[in-house]
C-alpha atoms as a PDB file:
ATOM      1  CA  MET A   1     -19.533 -17.269 -30.897  1.00  0.00           C
ATOM      2  CA  SER A   2     -17.052 -14.403 -30.698  1.00  0.00           C
ATOM      3  CA  ALA A   3     -15.975 -11.827 -28.234  1.00  0.00           C
ATOM      4  CA  LEU A   4     -18.243  -8.938 -28.227  1.00  0.00           C
ATOM      5  CA  THR A   5     -17.140  -5.521 -27.390  1.00  0.00           C
ATOM      6  CA  VAL A   6     -19.242  -3.001 -25.821  1.00  0.00           C
ATOM      7  CA  SER A   7     -18.725   0.484 -26.413  1.00  0.00           C
ATOM      8  CA  GLN A   8     -17.475   3.204 -24.067  1.00  0.00           C
ATOM      9  CA  ASP A   9     -16.695   6.636 -24.055  1.00  0.00           C
ATOM     10  CA  PRO A  10     -13.787   7.558 -23.957  1.00  0.00           C
ATOM     11  CA  ASP A  11     -13.883  10.238 -21.783  1.00  0.00           C
ATOM     12  CA  ARG A  12     -14.842   7.457 -18.656  1.00  0.00           C
ATOM     13  CA  THR A  13     -12.518   7.298 -15.769  1.00  0.00           C
ATOM     14  CA  TRP A  14     -11.056   4.345 -14.733  1.00  0.00           C
ATOM     15  CA  ASP A  15     -13.945   4.072 -11.680  1.00  0.00           C
ATOM     16  CA  ASP A  16     -16.658   4.696 -14.329  1.00  0.00           C
ATOM     17  CA  LEU A  17     -15.416   1.740 -16.218  1.00  0.00           C
ATOM     18  CA  VAL A  18     -15.236  -0.827 -13.045  1.00  0.00           C
ATOM     19  CA  ARG A  19     -18.403   0.714 -12.022  1.00  0.00           C
ATOM     20  CA  PHE A  20     -20.181   0.090 -15.594  1.00  0.00           C
ATOM     21  CA  TRP A  21     -18.435  -3.528 -15.526  1.00  0.00           C
ATOM     22  CA  ASP A  22     -19.478  -4.358 -11.621  1.00  0.00           C
ATOM     23  CA  GLU A  23     -22.785  -3.337 -12.005  1.00  0.00           C
ATOM     24  CA  SER A  24     -24.171  -4.194 -15.346  1.00  0.00           C
ATOM     25  CA  ASP A  25     -26.591  -7.312 -15.992  1.00  0.00           C
ATOM     26  CA  TRP A  26     -24.251  -9.767 -18.252  1.00  0.00           C
ATOM     27  CA  PRO A  27     -25.371 -12.513 -19.922  1.00  0.00           C
ATOM     28  CA  GLU A  28     -24.963 -15.455 -17.434  1.00  0.00           C
ATOM     29  CA  GLY A  29     -21.881 -17.672 -17.797  1.00  0.00           C
ATOM     30  CA  SER A  30     -20.179 -15.158 -20.240  1.00  0.00           C
ATOM     31  CA  ARG A  31     -16.605 -13.515 -19.081  1.00  0.00           C
ATOM     32  CA  VAL A  32     -16.571  -9.984 -18.785  1.00  0.00           C
ATOM     33  CA  GLU A  33     -13.234  -7.966 -19.140  1.00  0.00           C
ATOM     34  CA  ILE A  34     -12.157  -4.557 -19.685  1.00  0.00           C
ATOM     35  CA  ILE A  35      -9.108  -4.724 -22.391  1.00  0.00           C
ATOM     36  CA  GLU A  36      -7.356  -1.799 -23.031  1.00  0.00           C
ATOM     37  CA  GLY A  37     -10.454   0.606 -21.900  1.00  0.00           C
ATOM     38  CA  ILE A  38     -13.091  -1.640 -23.501  1.00  0.00           C
ATOM     39  CA  VAL A  39     -15.673  -4.189 -21.859  1.00  0.00           C
ATOM     40  CA  THR A  40     -15.239  -7.327 -24.369  1.00  0.00           C
ATOM     41  CA  VAL A  41     -18.033 -10.102 -23.303  1.00  0.00           C
ATOM     42  CA  SER A  42     -16.981 -13.343 -24.296  1.00  0.00           C
ATOM     43  CA  PRO A  43     -18.682 -16.435 -23.899  1.00  0.00           C
ATOM     44  CA  ALA A  44     -17.662 -19.540 -21.288  1.00  0.00           C
ATOM     45  CA  PRO A  45     -14.946 -21.254 -22.348  1.00  0.00           C
ATOM     46  CA  ALA A  46     -15.234 -24.091 -24.329  1.00  0.00           C
ATOM     47  CA  TYR A  47     -14.517 -28.438 -23.064  1.00  0.00           C
ATOM     48  CA  ARG A  48     -11.201 -28.660 -23.971  1.00  0.00           C
ATOM     49  CA  HIS A  49     -10.118 -24.943 -22.835  1.00  0.00           C
ATOM     50  CA  ASN A  50     -11.115 -26.269 -19.650  1.00  0.00           C
ATOM     51  CA  VAL A  51      -9.277 -29.532 -19.559  1.00  0.00           C
ATOM     52  CA  MET A  52      -6.046 -27.925 -20.238  1.00  0.00           C
ATOM     53  CA  ALA A  53      -6.721 -25.658 -17.672  1.00  0.00           C
ATOM     54  CA  ALA A  54      -7.728 -28.149 -15.175  1.00  0.00           C
ATOM     55  CA  ARG A  55      -4.489 -30.198 -16.075  1.00  0.00           C
ATOM     56  CA  ILE A  56      -2.243 -27.230 -15.176  1.00  0.00           C
ATOM     57  CA  GLN A  57      -4.281 -26.455 -11.914  1.00  0.00           C
ATOM     58  CA  ARG A  58      -3.714 -30.217 -11.103  1.00  0.00           C
ATOM     59  CA  ARG A  59      -0.119 -29.850 -10.932  1.00  0.00           C
ATOM     60  CA  LEU A  60      -0.076 -26.530  -9.258  1.00  0.00           C
ATOM     61  CA  TYR A  61      -2.005 -27.529  -6.269  1.00  0.00           C
ATOM     62  CA  SER A  62       1.073 -30.084  -5.583  1.00  0.00           C
ATOM     63  CA  VAL A  63       3.736 -27.424  -5.295  1.00  0.00           C
ATOM     64  CA  ILE A  64       1.857 -24.239  -4.205  1.00  0.00           C
ATOM     65  CA  PRO A  65       2.421 -22.914  -0.309  1.00  0.00           C
ATOM     66  CA  GLU A  66      -0.876 -23.851   1.797  1.00  0.00           C
ATOM     67  CA  ASP A  67      -1.605 -19.823   2.101  1.00  0.00           C
ATOM     68  CA  TRP A  68      -2.077 -19.568  -1.628  1.00  0.00           C
ATOM     69  CA  GLU A  69      -5.057 -20.434  -3.914  1.00  0.00           C
ATOM     70  CA  ILE A  70      -5.507 -21.174  -7.502  1.00  0.00           C
ATOM     71  CA  PHE A  71      -8.446 -19.051  -8.801  1.00  0.00           C
ATOM     72  CA  GLN A  72     -10.664 -19.757 -11.793  1.00  0.00           C
ATOM     73  CA  THR A  73     -12.954 -16.772 -11.963  1.00  0.00           C
ATOM     74  CA  LEU A  74     -10.791 -14.015 -10.146  1.00  0.00           C
ATOM     75  CA  SER A  75     -10.604 -10.565 -11.812  1.00  0.00           C
ATOM     76  CA  ILE A  76      -7.582  -9.095 -11.561  1.00  0.00           C
ATOM     77  CA  ALA A  77      -7.106  -5.067 -12.227  1.00  0.00           C
ATOM     78  CA  VAL A  78      -4.517  -3.485 -14.016  1.00  0.00           C
ATOM     79  CA  PRO A  79      -5.709   0.157 -14.399  1.00  0.00           C
ATOM     80  CA  SER A  80      -2.528   1.662 -15.466  1.00  0.00           C
ATOM     81  CA  ARG A  81      -3.683  -0.240 -18.634  1.00  0.00           C
ATOM     82  CA  MET A  82      -7.096   0.257 -18.225  1.00  0.00           C
ATOM     83  CA  GLY A  83      -7.834  -3.695 -17.576  1.00  0.00           C
ATOM     84  CA  MET A  84      -9.896  -5.634 -15.627  1.00  0.00           C
ATOM     85  CA  PHE A  85      -8.772  -9.462 -16.981  1.00  0.00           C
ATOM     86  CA  ILE A  86     -10.175 -12.715 -15.970  1.00  0.00           C
ATOM     87  CA  PRO A  87      -7.334 -15.262 -16.672  1.00  0.00           C
ATOM     88  CA  ASP A  88      -8.015 -19.269 -16.520  1.00  0.00           C
ATOM     89  CA  LEU A  89      -6.001 -19.471 -13.663  1.00  0.00           C
ATOM     90  CA  VAL A  90      -4.482 -16.839 -11.130  1.00  0.00           C
ATOM     91  CA  VAL A  91      -2.385 -18.121  -8.350  1.00  0.00           C
ATOM     92  CA  ALA A  92      -1.941 -15.824  -5.635  1.00  0.00           C
ATOM     93  CA  PRO A  93      -1.701 -15.372  -1.881  1.00  0.00           C
ATOM     94  CA  LEU A  94      -4.823 -15.426   0.388  1.00  0.00           C
ATOM     95  CA  ARG A  95      -5.624 -12.220   1.501  1.00  0.00           C
ATOM     96  CA  PRO A  96      -8.724 -10.180   2.680  1.00  0.00           C
ATOM     97  CA  PRO A  97     -10.082  -8.357  -0.716  1.00  0.00           C
ATOM     98  CA  GLU A  98     -10.245  -4.299  -0.967  1.00  0.00           C
ATOM     99  CA  THR A  99     -13.337  -5.299  -2.952  1.00  0.00           C
ATOM    100  CA  GLN A 100     -15.378  -8.221  -3.655  1.00  0.00           C
ATOM    101  CA  SER A 101     -15.075  -8.231  -7.666  1.00  0.00           C
ATOM    102  CA  HIS A 102     -11.511  -8.109  -7.768  1.00  0.00           C
ATOM    103  CA  ILE A 103      -7.784  -8.117  -6.608  1.00  0.00           C
ATOM    104  CA  PRO A 104      -4.576  -6.159  -7.892  1.00  0.00           C
ATOM    105  CA  ALA A 105      -3.135  -8.099 -10.444  1.00  0.00           C
ATOM    106  CA  ALA A 106       0.040  -7.163  -8.880  1.00  0.00           C
ATOM    107  CA  LEU A 107      -0.667  -9.846  -6.483  1.00  0.00           C
ATOM    108  CA  ALA A 108      -0.426 -12.627  -8.497  1.00  0.00           C
ATOM    109  CA  GLU A 109       1.968 -14.901  -8.730  1.00  0.00           C
ATOM    110  CA  LEU A 110       1.644 -16.647 -11.879  1.00  0.00           C
ATOM    111  CA  VAL A 111      -1.303 -16.123 -14.842  1.00  0.00           C
ATOM    112  CA  VAL A 112      -2.502 -18.746 -17.249  1.00  0.00           C
ATOM    113  CA  GLU A 113      -4.409 -18.112 -20.265  1.00  0.00           C
ATOM    114  CA  VAL A 114      -5.929 -20.363 -22.448  1.00  0.00           C
ATOM    115  CA  THR A 115      -6.667 -18.906 -25.864  1.00  0.00           C
ATOM    116  CA  SER A 116     -10.099 -19.531 -27.745  1.00  0.00           C
ATOM    117  CA  PRO A 117     -10.541 -18.395 -31.294  1.00  0.00           C
ATOM    118  CA  SER A 118     -11.862 -15.360 -30.210  1.00  0.00           C
ATOM    119  CA  ASN A 119      -9.427 -13.848 -27.314  1.00  0.00           C
ATOM    120  CA  ALA A 120      -5.906 -15.329 -29.288  1.00  0.00           C
ATOM    121  CA  ARG A 121      -4.860 -11.662 -30.119  1.00  0.00           C
ATOM    122  CA  HIS A 122      -5.360 -10.385 -26.519  1.00  0.00           C
ATOM    123  CA  ASP A 123      -4.026 -13.256 -24.924  1.00  0.00           C
ATOM    124  CA  ARG A 124      -1.043 -13.036 -27.001  1.00  0.00           C
ATOM    125  CA  VAL A 125      -0.798  -8.912 -26.870  1.00  0.00           C
ATOM    126  CA  SER A 126      -2.868  -7.032 -24.766  1.00  0.00           C
ATOM    127  CA  LYS A 127      -2.588  -9.157 -21.714  1.00  0.00           C
ATOM    128  CA  PRO A 128       0.767  -9.989 -21.734  1.00  0.00           C
ATOM    129  CA  ALA A 129       1.662  -6.224 -21.479  1.00  0.00           C
ATOM    130  CA  ALA A 130      -0.782  -5.834 -18.996  1.00  0.00           C
ATOM    131  CA  TYR A 131       0.284  -8.397 -16.673  1.00  0.00           C
ATOM    132  CA  ALA A 132       4.234  -7.943 -17.036  1.00  0.00           C
ATOM    133  CA  THR A 133       3.201  -3.896 -16.548  1.00  0.00           C
ATOM    134  CA  ALA A 134       1.642  -5.160 -12.906  1.00  0.00           C
ATOM    135  CA  GLY A 135       4.354  -6.804 -12.118  1.00  0.00           C
ATOM    136  CA  ILE A 136       3.029 -10.689 -12.058  1.00  0.00           C
ATOM    137  CA  PRO A 137       6.083 -12.561 -11.934  1.00  0.00           C
ATOM    138  CA  LEU A 138       5.214 -15.500 -14.469  1.00  0.00           C
ATOM    139  CA  TYR A 139       2.357 -15.612 -17.519  1.00  0.00           C
ATOM    140  CA  LEU A 140       1.765 -19.008 -19.011  1.00  0.00           C
ATOM    141  CA  LEU A 141       0.085 -18.975 -22.456  1.00  0.00           C
ATOM    142  CA  VAL A 142      -1.449 -22.170 -23.788  1.00  0.00           C
ATOM    143  CA  ASP A 143      -2.461 -21.626 -27.282  1.00  0.00           C
ATOM    144  CA  PRO A 144      -3.754 -24.058 -29.064  1.00  0.00           C
ATOM    145  CA  TRP A 145      -4.507 -21.789 -32.143  1.00  0.00           C
ATOM    146  CA  ALA A 146      -1.052 -20.748 -32.849  1.00  0.00           C
ATOM    147  CA  PRO A 147      -0.100 -20.146 -36.320  1.00  0.00           C
ATOM    148  CA  GLY A 148       2.460 -22.466 -36.517  1.00  0.00           C
ATOM    149  CA  GLY A 149       0.567 -25.390 -34.258  1.00  0.00           C
ATOM    150  CA  PRO A 150      -0.566 -25.615 -30.820  1.00  0.00           C
ATOM    151  CA  THR A 151       2.238 -23.763 -28.033  1.00  0.00           C
ATOM    152  CA  VAL A 152       2.975 -23.357 -24.660  1.00  0.00           C
ATOM    153  CA  THR A 153       4.792 -20.469 -23.814  1.00  0.00           C
ATOM    154  CA  LEU A 154       6.143 -19.531 -20.440  1.00  0.00           C
ATOM    155  CA  TYR A 155       7.007 -15.813 -19.936  1.00  0.00           C
ATOM    156  CA  GLY A 156       8.738 -14.249 -17.111  1.00  0.00           C
ATOM    157  CA  GLU A 157      11.372 -11.385 -16.032  1.00  0.00           C
ATOM    158  CA  PRO A 158       8.487  -8.517 -16.687  1.00  0.00           C
ATOM    159  CA  LYS A 159       9.960  -5.190 -17.142  1.00  0.00           C
ATOM    160  CA  ASP A 160       7.658  -1.785 -18.189  1.00  0.00           C
ATOM    161  CA  ASP A 161       5.283  -3.777 -20.358  1.00  0.00           C
ATOM    162  CA  VAL A 162       7.646  -6.426 -21.578  1.00  0.00           C
ATOM    163  CA  TYR A 163       8.181 -10.247 -20.926  1.00  0.00           C
ATOM    164  CA  ARG A 164      11.092 -12.351 -21.387  1.00  0.00           C
ATOM    165  CA  VAL A 165      10.207 -15.687 -23.302  1.00  0.00           C
ATOM    166  CA  LEU A 166      11.417 -18.273 -20.464  1.00  0.00           C
ATOM    167  CA  SER A 167      10.498 -21.523 -22.543  1.00  0.00           C
ATOM    168  CA  ALA A 168       8.406 -22.138 -25.242  1.00  0.00           C
ATOM    169  CA  VAL A 169       7.138 -25.930 -26.186  1.00  0.00           C
ATOM    170  CA  LYS A 170       5.036 -27.834 -28.864  1.00  0.00           C
ATOM    171  CA  PHE A 171       1.951 -29.527 -27.489  1.00  0.00           C
ATOM    172  CA  GLY A 172       3.182 -33.049 -26.594  1.00  0.00           C
ATOM    173  CA  ASP A 173       6.423 -31.573 -24.919  1.00  0.00           C
ATOM    174  CA  THR A 174       7.111 -30.503 -21.143  1.00  0.00           C
ATOM    175  CA  VAL A 175       7.540 -26.740 -19.996  1.00  0.00           C
ATOM    176  CA  GLN A 176       9.355 -26.766 -16.647  1.00  0.00           C
ATOM    177  CA  LEU A 177       8.212 -23.695 -14.338  1.00  0.00           C
ATOM    178  CA  PRO A 178      10.483 -22.164 -12.263  1.00  0.00           C
ATOM    179  CA  LYS A 179      10.863 -21.623  -8.456  1.00  0.00           C
ATOM    180  CA  PRO A 180       8.581 -20.834  -6.482  1.00  0.00           C
ATOM    181  CA  PHE A 181       6.679 -23.533  -8.449  1.00  0.00           C
ATOM    182  CA  ASP A 182       9.052 -25.702  -9.513  1.00  0.00           C
ATOM    183  CA  VAL A 183       7.067 -27.764 -11.408  1.00  0.00           C
ATOM    184  CA  ALA A 184       6.527 -29.901 -14.770  1.00  0.00           C
ATOM    185  CA  ILE A 185       3.702 -29.331 -16.573  1.00  0.00           C
ATOM    186  CA  ASP A 186       3.023 -32.076 -19.580  1.00  0.00           C
ATOM    187  CA  THR A 187       1.514 -30.563 -22.307  1.00  0.00           C
ATOM    188  CA  SER A 188       0.450 -34.286 -23.987  1.00  0.00           C
ATOM    189  CA  GLU A 189      -2.166 -34.505 -21.150  1.00  0.00           C
ATOM    190  CA  PHE A 190      -3.891 -31.438 -23.001  1.00  0.00           C
ATOM    191  CA  PRO A 191      -6.333 -32.646 -25.755  1.00  0.00           C
ATOM    192  CA  VAL A 192      -6.240 -31.849 -29.049  1.00  0.00           C
ATOM    193  CA  ASP A 193      -8.001 -31.994 -32.570  1.00  0.00           C
END
């Protein structure tokens, strides 16, 4: 099943979009995001997708400070890019939220996205631009659907809406996350077809 886009009135404000996103009755288990001002409904991630995120999460727990957490379904907002995203993983300090439904993306220290066939373009193009705009220090893209074969790309040093590629590896290799994480992610643990 692919992602479904919900048409929006182009004259709606950010607050209107967030209210629509927050108050609508979406299908159980789906991932509902606002991407470039368009509400997008995607099916729940598949088993392999979740295994990859879980492997990364397991490594991160051993290195994050006690006052940080790893979230799997936390929405992060980038109003300037008309975006409300639900990354596969968000690492952020524990702080009382301003709202119950999301946090400002700028609070995140790391976001992790695992592509699915239905969302690969967003994870490769729209989301990194928004995450860089928000100033999120690190973005890890796990892309089993990459055209040249499964890859993992670590982005950092955000400037405006662009990241610098810090590292890019094929599945089977190790990607090293810099400080404050300073941890190696062994991608040979990721399931492949």
